[in-house]
Amino acid sequence: MLDDHSGTTRRTRARLRLDDGRELAVFIKRPSRSPVARAFVAVPRLSRAEVKFYTELSDQVPIATPHCHGAGRYWRGFIVVLEDLTDSGATLRRSTDKLSADEAASLLASLAAMHRQWWGRTESYPWLSLNPRRELRLGALLSPSLCRLGLRRVGSAVPKPLHQAISRYARNRRAAQAAMSAGPTTLIHNDCHPGNQFVAANGRPGLIDWQLCRSGPWARDVAYLLSTSLDLETRRSTERDLLADYLDQLGPVAPNFDEAWLAYRRNAVYTVEAMLVTAAVGVMMPKSTSLVLVNRAAAAAADLDSFGAL
């Protein structure tokens, strides 16, 4: 065992000695030691999505993902055994890293390829629609209290003028989600902040932690990526050009820029909520990291008047 810690899940790096004498470096995901984190993953059945992604979809997406040696669910939880990216020459990002505009464009290009490939095709895998439906029910119940708790915990990281808008969103979450999710659906990662990004040894950008993958709106991934991964000035000066480039690579299925800009603005709201819920739960990432991501997400929503767009 090389490393072992718990966050949303328990994550272990280990070197295995196989029966034939070879050694294999692996990264193992299992239920967290924390009862709160275990419930956070188990109630919305996030482990089911990750196991199914690695066993059914990972070899079908045009984006770098860790090789999966095996994955499954059992009565007490789940296990996913992946290649150890640090042993394969990949560069893992930290959650607080800032991407350059070029780095963001490279990952957006990979997302565009995935979104284009899966555009309108997610019904072939019904489980991709289960998470959003389950989240709608749980969100309507839990979002108001979790957002309030998150706002208390992050303090000034969220500008005061946004507090009322966030509370109103949380109370009317079902209608807001319908506006954010309008239009065609595709396969989305749904959690592509820097801590879930890596660059493979061959230079390809990639994503880890597919437990929130689902059928959803393309703009969710684009807004989540740009609002968590870019510093304030970089985002402000490049987001329109980055969105335009993404639409070009999306091809004939892409909406026009004005429609896309509205969808992008609206979906930045989800990023704010996700970061506040992370801060409220408390065991998913260190508070200092959470504050950085909440601040970036809130600044983007304020700049874009995202709540007004809903």
C-alpha atoms as a PDB file:
ATOM      1  CA  MET A   1       0.000   0.000   0.000  1.00  0.00           C
ATOM      2  CA  LEU A   2       1.432   3.362  -1.072  1.00  0.00           C
ATOM      3  CA  ASP A   3      -1.323   5.757   0.016  1.00  0.00           C
ATOM      4  CA  ASP A   4      -4.759   5.504   1.585  1.00  0.00           C
ATOM      5  CA  HIS A   5      -7.225   8.302   2.388  1.00  0.00           C
ATOM      6  CA  SER A   6     -10.947   9.014   2.464  1.00  0.00           C
ATOM      7  CA  GLY A   7     -12.943  11.842   0.932  1.00  0.00           C
ATOM      8  CA  THR A   8     -16.155  11.255  -0.978  1.00  0.00           C
ATOM      9  CA  THR A   9     -14.785   7.726  -1.389  1.00  0.00           C
ATOM     10  CA  ARG A  10     -11.880   5.773   0.073  1.00  0.00           C
ATOM     11  CA  ARG A  11      -8.936   5.982  -2.326  1.00  0.00           C
ATOM     12  CA  THR A  12      -5.980   3.645  -2.110  1.00  0.00           C
ATOM     13  CA  ARG A  13      -2.810   3.529  -4.199  1.00  0.00           C
ATOM     14  CA  ALA A  14      -1.158   0.129  -4.107  1.00  0.00           C
ATOM     15  CA  ARG A  15       1.383  -2.008  -5.904  1.00  0.00           C
ATOM     16  CA  LEU A  16       0.194  -5.553  -6.473  1.00  0.00           C
ATOM     17  CA  ARG A  17       2.397  -8.569  -7.061  1.00  0.00           C
ATOM     18  CA  LEU A  18       0.617 -10.879  -9.478  1.00  0.00           C
ATOM     19  CA  ASP A  19       0.790 -14.688  -9.548  1.00  0.00           C
ATOM     20  CA  ASP A  20       3.107 -14.598 -12.553  1.00  0.00           C
ATOM     21  CA  GLY A  21       5.583 -12.372 -10.719  1.00  0.00           C
ATOM     22  CA  ARG A  22       4.705  -9.119 -12.488  1.00  0.00           C
ATOM     23  CA  GLU A  23       3.899  -5.982 -10.481  1.00  0.00           C
ATOM     24  CA  LEU A  24       0.914  -3.733 -11.150  1.00  0.00           C
ATOM     25  CA  ALA A  25       0.344  -0.206  -9.790  1.00  0.00           C
ATOM     26  CA  VAL A  26      -3.356   0.396  -9.118  1.00  0.00           C
ATOM     27  CA  PHE A  27      -5.719   3.027  -7.735  1.00  0.00           C
ATOM     28  CA  ILE A  28      -8.619   1.510  -5.794  1.00  0.00           C
ATOM     29  CA  LYS A  29     -11.914   3.272  -4.987  1.00  0.00           C
ATOM     30  CA  ARG A  30     -14.198   1.930  -2.261  1.00  0.00           C
ATOM     31  CA  PRO A  31     -16.821   3.362   0.116  1.00  0.00           C
ATOM     32  CA  SER A  32     -15.473   6.145   2.326  1.00  0.00           C
ATOM     33  CA  ARG A  33     -14.666   5.606   5.994  1.00  0.00           C
ATOM     34  CA  SER A  34     -16.899   8.606   6.758  1.00  0.00           C
ATOM     35  CA  PRO A  35     -20.581   7.695   7.327  1.00  0.00           C
ATOM     36  CA  VAL A  36     -21.619  11.108   5.935  1.00  0.00           C
ATOM     37  CA  ALA A  37     -19.593  10.598   2.753  1.00  0.00           C
ATOM     38  CA  ARG A  38     -20.872   7.035   2.369  1.00  0.00           C
ATOM     39  CA  ALA A  39     -24.446   8.300   2.584  1.00  0.00           C
ATOM     40  CA  PHE A  40     -23.683  11.124   0.142  1.00  0.00           C
ATOM     41  CA  VAL A  41     -22.553   8.520  -2.433  1.00  0.00           C
ATOM     42  CA  ALA A  42     -25.018   5.749  -1.569  1.00  0.00           C
ATOM     43  CA  VAL A  43     -28.327   7.642  -1.419  1.00  0.00           C
ATOM     44  CA  PRO A  44     -28.151   9.007  -4.999  1.00  0.00           C
ATOM     45  CA  ARG A  45     -26.408   5.757  -6.068  1.00  0.00           C
ATOM     46  CA  LEU A  46     -23.354   7.509  -7.461  1.00  0.00           C
ATOM     47  CA  SER A  47     -21.246   4.341  -7.214  1.00  0.00           C
ATOM     48  CA  ARG A  48     -23.612   2.607  -9.608  1.00  0.00           C
ATOM     49  CA  ALA A  49     -22.947   5.249 -12.253  1.00  0.00           C
ATOM     50  CA  GLU A  50     -19.170   5.017 -11.875  1.00  0.00           C
ATOM     51  CA  VAL A  51     -19.115   1.220 -11.996  1.00  0.00           C
ATOM     52  CA  LYS A  52     -21.325   1.219 -15.076  1.00  0.00           C
ATOM     53  CA  PHE A  53     -19.248   3.919 -16.759  1.00  0.00           C
ATOM     54  CA  TYR A  54     -16.032   1.935 -16.403  1.00  0.00           C
ATOM     55  CA  THR A  55     -17.585  -1.417 -17.308  1.00  0.00           C
ATOM     56  CA  GLU A  56     -19.811  -0.233 -20.185  1.00  0.00           C
ATOM     57  CA  LEU A  57     -18.748   3.168 -21.542  1.00  0.00           C
ATOM     58  CA  SER A  58     -15.140   4.100 -20.829  1.00  0.00           C
ATOM     59  CA  ASP A  59     -13.814   2.472 -23.995  1.00  0.00           C
ATOM     60  CA  GLN A  60     -16.437   4.327 -26.048  1.00  0.00           C
ATOM     61  CA  VAL A  61     -15.639   7.914 -25.067  1.00  0.00           C
ATOM     62  CA  PRO A  62     -13.137  10.019 -27.074  1.00  0.00           C
ATOM     63  CA  ILE A  63     -11.501  11.412 -23.978  1.00  0.00           C
ATOM     64  CA  ALA A  64      -8.655  10.032 -21.877  1.00  0.00           C
ATOM     65  CA  THR A  65      -9.809   7.974 -18.873  1.00  0.00           C
ATOM     66  CA  PRO A  66      -7.867   5.646 -16.550  1.00  0.00           C
ATOM     67  CA  HIS A  67      -7.754   2.019 -17.665  1.00  0.00           C
ATOM     68  CA  CYS A  68     -10.099  -0.041 -15.503  1.00  0.00           C
ATOM     69  CA  HIS A  69      -8.807  -3.450 -14.349  1.00  0.00           C
ATOM     70  CA  GLY A  70     -12.159  -4.317 -12.793  1.00  0.00           C
ATOM     71  CA  ALA A  71     -15.235  -2.814 -11.134  1.00  0.00           C
ATOM     72  CA  GLY A  72     -18.323  -4.071  -9.378  1.00  0.00           C
ATOM     73  CA  ARG A  73     -20.990  -3.486  -6.767  1.00  0.00           C
ATOM     74  CA  TYR A  74     -21.755  -5.725  -3.825  1.00  0.00           C
ATOM     75  CA  TRP A  75     -24.111  -5.692  -0.860  1.00  0.00           C
ATOM     76  CA  ARG A  76     -21.917  -3.423   1.280  1.00  0.00           C
ATOM     77  CA  GLY A  77     -20.764  -1.030  -1.432  1.00  0.00           C
ATOM     78  CA  PHE A  78     -18.584  -1.078  -4.529  1.00  0.00           C
ATOM     79  CA  ILE A  79     -15.013  -1.363  -5.750  1.00  0.00           C
ATOM     80  CA  VAL A  80     -13.291   0.151  -8.789  1.00  0.00           C
ATOM     81  CA  VAL A  81      -9.696  -0.855  -9.602  1.00  0.00           C
ATOM     82  CA  LEU A  82      -7.989   1.567 -12.002  1.00  0.00           C
ATOM     83  CA  GLU A  83      -4.504   2.075 -13.344  1.00  0.00           C
ATOM     84  CA  ASP A  84      -2.406   4.323 -11.122  1.00  0.00           C
ATOM     85  CA  LEU A  85      -2.058   7.395 -13.324  1.00  0.00           C
ATOM     86  CA  THR A  86       0.922   8.667 -11.348  1.00  0.00           C
ATOM     87  CA  ASP A  87       2.767   5.481 -12.307  1.00  0.00           C
ATOM     88  CA  SER A  88       1.951   5.823 -16.027  1.00  0.00           C
ATOM     89  CA  GLY A  89       3.495   9.265 -16.514  1.00  0.00           C
ATOM     90  CA  ALA A  90       0.240  11.236 -16.385  1.00  0.00           C
ATOM     91  CA  THR A  91       0.064  14.652 -14.737  1.00  0.00           C
ATOM     92  CA  LEU A  92      -2.752  14.958 -12.200  1.00  0.00           C
ATOM     93  CA  ARG A  93      -4.138  18.391 -11.480  1.00  0.00           C
ATOM     94  CA  ARG A  94      -5.006  19.701  -8.022  1.00  0.00           C
ATOM     95  CA  SER A  95      -8.466  21.101  -7.324  1.00  0.00           C
ATOM     96  CA  THR A  96      -7.128  24.647  -6.937  1.00  0.00           C
ATOM     97  CA  ASP A  97      -5.032  24.631 -10.129  1.00  0.00           C
ATOM     98  CA  LYS A  98      -5.683  27.335 -12.720  1.00  0.00           C
ATOM     99  CA  LEU A  99      -5.804  26.342 -16.370  1.00  0.00           C
ATOM    100  CA  SER A 100      -4.514  28.543 -19.142  1.00  0.00           C
ATOM    101  CA  ALA A 101      -6.921  29.387 -21.946  1.00  0.00           C
ATOM    102  CA  ASP A 102      -5.083  26.921 -24.203  1.00  0.00           C
ATOM    103  CA  GLU A 103      -5.360  24.126 -21.637  1.00  0.00           C
ATOM    104  CA  ALA A 104      -9.072  24.819 -21.214  1.00  0.00           C
ATOM    105  CA  ALA A 105      -9.517  24.818 -25.010  1.00  0.00           C
ATOM    106  CA  SER A 106      -7.806  21.421 -25.259  1.00  0.00           C
ATOM    107  CA  LEU A 107     -10.132  19.848 -22.684  1.00  0.00           C
ATOM    108  CA  LEU A 108     -13.162  21.557 -24.256  1.00  0.00           C
ATOM    109  CA  ALA A 109     -12.212  19.998 -27.594  1.00  0.00           C
ATOM    110  CA  SER A 110     -12.282  16.540 -25.989  1.00  0.00           C
ATOM    111  CA  LEU A 111     -15.617  17.304 -24.334  1.00  0.00           C
ATOM    112  CA  ALA A 112     -17.011  18.509 -27.670  1.00  0.00           C
ATOM    113  CA  ALA A 113     -15.976  15.213 -29.280  1.00  0.00           C
ATOM    114  CA  MET A 114     -17.690  13.250 -26.502  1.00  0.00           C
ATOM    115  CA  HIS A 115     -20.818  15.408 -26.569  1.00  0.00           C
ATOM    116  CA  ARG A 116     -21.034  15.128 -30.380  1.00  0.00           C
ATOM    117  CA  GLN A 117     -20.606  11.349 -30.280  1.00  0.00           C
ATOM    118  CA  TRP A 118     -23.347  10.881 -27.679  1.00  0.00           C
ATOM    119  CA  TRP A 119     -25.718  13.623 -28.900  1.00  0.00           C
ATOM    120  CA  GLY A 120     -29.245  12.200 -28.569  1.00  0.00           C
ATOM    121  CA  ARG A 121     -27.907   8.666 -28.042  1.00  0.00           C
ATOM    122  CA  THR A 122     -28.011   8.293 -24.260  1.00  0.00           C
ATOM    123  CA  GLU A 123     -31.339   6.446 -24.324  1.00  0.00           C
ATOM    124  CA  SER A 124     -29.352   3.355 -25.324  1.00  0.00           C
ATOM    125  CA  TYR A 125     -28.164   3.278 -21.695  1.00  0.00           C
ATOM    126  CA  PRO A 126     -31.234   3.954 -19.515  1.00  0.00           C
ATOM    127  CA  TRP A 127     -29.150   4.203 -16.325  1.00  0.00           C
ATOM    128  CA  LEU A 128     -27.705   7.504 -17.607  1.00  0.00           C
ATOM    129  CA  SER A 129     -31.126   9.081 -17.045  1.00  0.00           C
ATOM    130  CA  LEU A 130     -31.588   7.667 -13.534  1.00  0.00           C
ATOM    131  CA  ASN A 131     -29.148  10.014 -11.791  1.00  0.00           C
ATOM    132  CA  PRO A 132     -30.753  13.260 -13.021  1.00  0.00           C
ATOM    133  CA  ARG A 133     -34.236  12.047 -12.109  1.00  0.00           C
ATOM    134  CA  ARG A 134     -33.090  10.929  -8.659  1.00  0.00           C
ATOM    135  CA  GLU A 135     -31.167  14.182  -8.159  1.00  0.00           C
ATOM    136  CA  LEU A 136     -34.283  16.223  -9.000  1.00  0.00           C
ATOM    137  CA  ARG A 137     -36.182  14.565  -6.164  1.00  0.00           C
ATOM    138  CA  LEU A 138     -33.336  14.746  -3.651  1.00  0.00           C
ATOM    139  CA  GLY A 139     -32.398  18.290  -4.693  1.00  0.00           C
ATOM    140  CA  ALA A 140     -35.901  19.611  -4.137  1.00  0.00           C
ATOM    141  CA  LEU A 141     -35.770  18.156  -0.631  1.00  0.00           C
ATOM    142  CA  LEU A 142     -32.195  18.952   0.411  1.00  0.00           C
ATOM    143  CA  SER A 143     -30.929  21.900  -1.631  1.00  0.00           C
ATOM    144  CA  PRO A 144     -32.464  24.726   0.482  1.00  0.00           C
ATOM    145  CA  SER A 145     -30.881  23.509   3.739  1.00  0.00           C
ATOM    146  CA  LEU A 146     -27.548  22.492   2.161  1.00  0.00           C
ATOM    147  CA  CYS A 147     -27.188  25.817   0.342  1.00  0.00           C
ATOM    148  CA  ARG A 148     -27.934  27.721   3.574  1.00  0.00           C
ATOM    149  CA  LEU A 149     -25.337  25.674   5.450  1.00  0.00           C
ATOM    150  CA  GLY A 150     -22.849  26.076   2.616  1.00  0.00           C
ATOM    151  CA  LEU A 151     -23.294  29.859   2.579  1.00  0.00           C
ATOM    152  CA  ARG A 152     -22.658  30.004   6.331  1.00  0.00           C
ATOM    153  CA  ARG A 153     -19.502  27.936   6.006  1.00  0.00           C
ATOM    154  CA  VAL A 154     -17.936  29.828   3.095  1.00  0.00           C
ATOM    155  CA  GLY A 155     -18.618  33.341   4.431  1.00  0.00           C
ATOM    156  CA  SER A 156     -17.430  36.095   2.120  1.00  0.00           C
ATOM    157  CA  ALA A 157     -16.400  33.671  -0.660  1.00  0.00           C
ATOM    158  CA  VAL A 158     -19.893  34.263  -2.073  1.00  0.00           C
ATOM    159  CA  PRO A 159     -20.810  37.950  -2.583  1.00  0.00           C
ATOM    160  CA  LYS A 160     -23.735  39.026  -0.405  1.00  0.00           C
ATOM    161  CA  PRO A 161     -25.900  40.102  -3.385  1.00  0.00           C
ATOM    162  CA  LEU A 162     -25.962  36.454  -4.535  1.00  0.00           C
ATOM    163  CA  HIS A 163     -27.258  35.008  -1.261  1.00  0.00           C
ATOM    164  CA  GLN A 164     -30.908  35.849  -1.895  1.00  0.00           C
ATOM    165  CA  ALA A 165     -30.713  34.587  -5.486  1.00  0.00           C
ATOM    166  CA  ILE A 166     -29.159  31.295  -4.344  1.00  0.00           C
ATOM    167  CA  SER A 167     -31.885  30.788  -1.732  1.00  0.00           C
ATOM    168  CA  ARG A 168     -34.586  31.514  -4.289  1.00  0.00           C
ATOM    169  CA  TYR A 169     -32.999  29.063  -6.720  1.00  0.00           C
ATOM    170  CA  ALA A 170     -32.845  26.347  -4.055  1.00  0.00           C
ATOM    171  CA  ARG A 171     -36.533  26.807  -3.221  1.00  0.00           C
ATOM    172  CA  ASN A 172     -37.477  26.588  -6.898  1.00  0.00           C
ATOM    173  CA  ARG A 173     -34.847  24.095  -7.956  1.00  0.00           C
ATOM    174  CA  ARG A 174     -37.070  21.827 -10.050  1.00  0.00           C
ATOM    175  CA  ALA A 175     -38.213  24.654 -12.338  1.00  0.00           C
ATOM    176  CA  ALA A 176     -34.679  26.077 -12.559  1.00  0.00           C
ATOM    177  CA  GLN A 177     -33.263  22.674 -13.488  1.00  0.00           C
ATOM    178  CA  ALA A 178     -35.868  22.336 -16.239  1.00  0.00           C
ATOM    179  CA  ALA A 179     -34.690  25.648 -17.724  1.00  0.00           C
ATOM    180  CA  MET A 180     -31.025  24.623 -17.458  1.00  0.00           C
ATOM    181  CA  SER A 181     -31.622  21.219 -19.038  1.00  0.00           C
ATOM    182  CA  ALA A 182     -33.846  22.313 -21.937  1.00  0.00           C
ATOM    183  CA  GLY A 183     -32.882  20.939 -25.337  1.00  0.00           C
ATOM    184  CA  PRO A 184     -31.050  17.819 -26.540  1.00  0.00           C
ATOM    185  CA  THR A 185     -29.121  15.687 -24.074  1.00  0.00           C
ATOM    186  CA  THR A 186     -25.766  13.967 -24.331  1.00  0.00           C
ATOM    187  CA  LEU A 187     -23.279  12.144 -22.112  1.00  0.00           C
ATOM    188  CA  ILE A 188     -21.771  14.593 -19.608  1.00  0.00           C
ATOM    189  CA  HIS A 189     -19.144  14.206 -16.904  1.00  0.00           C
ATOM    190  CA  ASN A 190     -20.910  16.738 -14.648  1.00  0.00           C
ATOM    191  CA  ASP A 191     -17.992  17.326 -12.245  1.00  0.00           C
ATOM    192  CA  CYS A 192     -15.029  18.489 -14.361  1.00  0.00           C
ATOM    193  CA  HIS A 193     -13.284  20.821 -11.901  1.00  0.00           C
ATOM    194  CA  PRO A 194      -9.454  20.793 -11.946  1.00  0.00           C
ATOM    195  CA  GLY A 195      -9.169  18.085  -9.289  1.00  0.00           C
ATOM    196  CA  ASN A 196     -10.874  15.646 -11.656  1.00  0.00           C
ATOM    197  CA  GLN A 197      -8.610  16.472 -14.609  1.00  0.00           C
ATOM    198  CA  PHE A 198      -5.335  14.972 -15.786  1.00  0.00           C
ATOM    199  CA  VAL A 199      -3.021  15.101 -18.758  1.00  0.00           C
ATOM    200  CA  ALA A 200      -1.952  11.690 -20.058  1.00  0.00           C
ATOM    201  CA  ALA A 201       1.671  10.905 -20.875  1.00  0.00           C
ATOM    202  CA  ASN A 202       0.867  11.387 -24.578  1.00  0.00           C
ATOM    203  CA  GLY A 203      -0.517  14.893 -23.900  1.00  0.00           C
ATOM    204  CA  ARG A 204      -4.224  14.022 -24.162  1.00  0.00           C
ATOM    205  CA  PRO A 205      -6.430  15.731 -21.564  1.00  0.00           C
ATOM    206  CA  GLY A 206      -8.516  13.390 -19.476  1.00  0.00           C
ATOM    207  CA  LEU A 207     -11.053  13.146 -16.668  1.00  0.00           C
ATOM    208  CA  ILE A 208     -11.378  10.940 -13.589  1.00  0.00           C
ATOM    209  CA  ASP A 209     -14.232  10.471 -11.069  1.00  0.00           C
ATOM    210  CA  TRP A 210     -17.142   9.591 -13.360  1.00  0.00           C
ATOM    211  CA  GLN A 211     -19.605   8.932 -10.517  1.00  0.00           C
ATOM    212  CA  LEU A 212     -21.756  11.922 -11.532  1.00  0.00           C
ATOM    213  CA  CYS A 213     -21.817  11.088 -15.261  1.00  0.00           C
ATOM    214  CA  ARG A 214     -25.275  11.158 -16.770  1.00  0.00           C
ATOM    215  CA  SER A 215     -27.504  12.192 -19.623  1.00  0.00           C
ATOM    216  CA  GLY A 216     -27.638  15.977 -19.509  1.00  0.00           C
ATOM    217  CA  PRO A 217     -27.138  19.318 -21.267  1.00  0.00           C
ATOM    218  CA  TRP A 218     -23.799  19.998 -22.975  1.00  0.00           C
ATOM    219  CA  ALA A 219     -23.660  23.431 -21.303  1.00  0.00           C
ATOM    220  CA  ARG A 220     -23.348  21.824 -17.857  1.00  0.00           C
ATOM    221  CA  ASP A 221     -19.843  20.531 -18.605  1.00  0.00           C
ATOM    222  CA  VAL A 222     -18.732  23.715 -20.389  1.00  0.00           C
ATOM    223  CA  ALA A 223     -19.928  26.052 -17.621  1.00  0.00           C
ATOM    224  CA  TYR A 224     -18.564  23.791 -14.873  1.00  0.00           C
ATOM    225  CA  LEU A 225     -15.163  23.546 -16.525  1.00  0.00           C
ATOM    226  CA  LEU A 226     -14.685  27.245 -17.242  1.00  0.00           C
ATOM    227  CA  SER A 227     -16.107  28.589 -13.986  1.00  0.00           C
ATOM    228  CA  THR A 228     -13.975  26.312 -11.769  1.00  0.00           C
ATOM    229  CA  SER A 229     -10.771  26.066 -13.811  1.00  0.00           C
ATOM    230  CA  LEU A 230      -9.988  29.608 -14.967  1.00  0.00           C
ATOM    231  CA  ASP A 231      -8.937  32.592 -12.908  1.00  0.00           C
ATOM    232  CA  LEU A 232     -11.179  35.643 -13.003  1.00  0.00           C
ATOM    233  CA  GLU A 233      -9.418  37.649 -15.704  1.00  0.00           C
ATOM    234  CA  THR A 234      -8.701  34.673 -17.953  1.00  0.00           C
ATOM    235  CA  ARG A 235     -12.338  33.597 -17.869  1.00  0.00           C
ATOM    236  CA  ARG A 236     -13.658  37.082 -18.497  1.00  0.00           C
ATOM    237  CA  SER A 237     -11.359  37.687 -21.452  1.00  0.00           C
ATOM    238  CA  THR A 238     -11.620  34.259 -23.124  1.00  0.00           C
ATOM    239  CA  GLU A 239     -14.934  32.556 -22.288  1.00  0.00           C
ATOM    240  CA  ARG A 240     -16.801  33.832 -25.370  1.00  0.00           C
ATOM    241  CA  ASP A 241     -14.010  32.710 -27.689  1.00  0.00           C
ATOM    242  CA  LEU A 242     -13.700  29.370 -25.892  1.00  0.00           C
ATOM    243  CA  LEU A 243     -17.445  28.787 -26.212  1.00  0.00           C
ATOM    244  CA  ALA A 244     -17.370  29.717 -29.903  1.00  0.00           C
ATOM    245  CA  ASP A 245     -14.502  27.261 -30.513  1.00  0.00           C
ATOM    246  CA  TYR A 246     -16.380  24.547 -28.621  1.00  0.00           C
ATOM    247  CA  LEU A 247     -19.482  25.108 -30.787  1.00  0.00           C
ATOM    248  CA  ASP A 248     -17.388  24.901 -33.950  1.00  0.00           C
ATOM    249  CA  GLN A 249     -16.066  21.523 -32.852  1.00  0.00           C
ATOM    250  CA  LEU A 250     -19.509  20.331 -31.826  1.00  0.00           C
ATOM    251  CA  GLY A 251     -20.419  20.592 -35.502  1.00  0.00           C
ATOM    252  CA  PRO A 252     -23.851  20.539 -37.168  1.00  0.00           C
ATOM    253  CA  VAL A 253     -25.746  19.706 -33.952  1.00  0.00           C
ATOM    254  CA  ALA A 254     -24.491  22.885 -32.228  1.00  0.00           C
ATOM    255  CA  PRO A 255     -27.012  25.610 -31.310  1.00  0.00           C
ATOM    256  CA  ASN A 256     -26.392  29.151 -32.509  1.00  0.00           C
ATOM    257  CA  PHE A 257     -24.151  31.301 -30.336  1.00  0.00           C
ATOM    258  CA  ASP A 258     -26.934  33.325 -28.671  1.00  0.00           C
ATOM    259  CA  GLU A 259     -28.796  30.170 -27.599  1.00  0.00           C
ATOM    260  CA  ALA A 260     -25.546  28.617 -26.426  1.00  0.00           C
ATOM    261  CA  TRP A 261     -24.538  31.718 -24.471  1.00  0.00           C
ATOM    262  CA  LEU A 262     -27.863  31.676 -22.606  1.00  0.00           C
ATOM    263  CA  ALA A 263     -27.496  27.963 -21.799  1.00  0.00           C
ATOM    264  CA  TYR A 264     -23.914  28.559 -20.640  1.00  0.00           C
ATOM    265  CA  ARG A 265     -24.965  31.438 -18.355  1.00  0.00           C
ATOM    266  CA  ARG A 266     -27.803  29.415 -16.836  1.00  0.00           C
ATOM    267  CA  ASN A 267     -25.740  26.302 -16.160  1.00  0.00           C
ATOM    268  CA  ALA A 268     -23.140  28.282 -14.225  1.00  0.00           C
ATOM    269  CA  VAL A 269     -25.772  28.296 -11.447  1.00  0.00           C
ATOM    270  CA  TYR A 270     -25.405  24.542 -11.021  1.00  0.00           C
ATOM    271  CA  THR A 271     -21.675  24.963 -10.412  1.00  0.00           C
ATOM    272  CA  VAL A 272     -22.374  27.399  -7.571  1.00  0.00           C
ATOM    273  CA  GLU A 273     -24.827  24.968  -6.000  1.00  0.00           C
ATOM    274  CA  ALA A 274     -22.431  22.018  -6.387  1.00  0.00           C
ATOM    275  CA  MET A 275     -19.609  23.912  -4.690  1.00  0.00           C
ATOM    276  CA  LEU A 276     -21.882  25.069  -1.854  1.00  0.00           C
ATOM    277  CA  VAL A 277     -23.122  21.514  -1.265  1.00  0.00           C
ATOM    278  CA  THR A 278     -19.496  20.356  -1.197  1.00  0.00           C
ATOM    279  CA  ALA A 279     -18.731  23.006   1.433  1.00  0.00           C
ATOM    280  CA  ALA A 280     -21.838  22.065   3.427  1.00  0.00           C
ATOM    281  CA  VAL A 281     -21.061  18.344   3.533  1.00  0.00           C
ATOM    282  CA  GLY A 282     -17.501  19.145   4.570  1.00  0.00           C
ATOM    283  CA  VAL A 283     -15.827  15.747   4.058  1.00  0.00           C
ATOM    284  CA  MET A 284     -15.426  15.910   0.280  1.00  0.00           C
ATOM    285  CA  MET A 285     -12.464  18.301   0.111  1.00  0.00           C
ATOM    286  CA  PRO A 286     -10.496  20.542   2.502  1.00  0.00           C
ATOM    287  CA  LYS A 287     -12.206  23.817   3.394  1.00  0.00           C
ATOM    288  CA  SER A 288      -9.399  25.900   1.881  1.00  0.00           C
ATOM    289  CA  THR A 289      -9.867  24.110  -1.450  1.00  0.00           C
ATOM    290  CA  SER A 290     -13.638  24.418  -1.273  1.00  0.00           C
ATOM    291  CA  LEU A 291     -13.375  28.175  -0.667  1.00  0.00           C
ATOM    292  CA  VAL A 292     -11.281  28.657  -3.814  1.00  0.00           C
ATOM    293  CA  LEU A 293     -13.766  26.795  -6.015  1.00  0.00           C
ATOM    294  CA  VAL A 294     -16.815  28.447  -4.433  1.00  0.00           C
ATOM    295  CA  ASN A 295     -15.239  31.850  -5.012  1.00  0.00           C
ATOM    296  CA  ARG A 296     -14.506  31.114  -8.675  1.00  0.00           C
ATOM    297  CA  ALA A 297     -17.982  29.704  -9.301  1.00  0.00           C
ATOM    298  CA  ALA A 298     -19.754  32.575  -7.537  1.00  0.00           C
ATOM    299  CA  ALA A 299     -17.697  35.186  -9.408  1.00  0.00           C
ATOM    300  CA  ALA A 300     -18.626  33.567 -12.721  1.00  0.00           C
ATOM    301  CA  ALA A 301     -22.340  33.477 -11.830  1.00  0.00           C
ATOM    302  CA  ALA A 302     -22.204  37.143 -10.809  1.00  0.00           C
ATOM    303  CA  ASP A 303     -20.355  38.218 -13.971  1.00  0.00           C
ATOM    304  CA  LEU A 304     -22.774  36.297 -16.192  1.00  0.00           C
ATOM    305  CA  ASP A 305     -25.922  37.292 -14.276  1.00  0.00           C
ATOM    306  CA  SER A 306     -26.644  33.573 -14.259  1.00  0.00           C
ATOM    307  CA  PHE A 307     -29.516  33.743 -11.787  1.00  0.00           C
ATOM    308  CA  GLY A 308     -31.100  36.505 -13.828  1.00  0.00           C
ATOM    309  CA  ALA A 309     -30.772  34.300 -16.914  1.00  0.00           C
ATOM    310  CA  LEU A 310     -32.987  31.724 -15.183  1.00  0.00           C
END
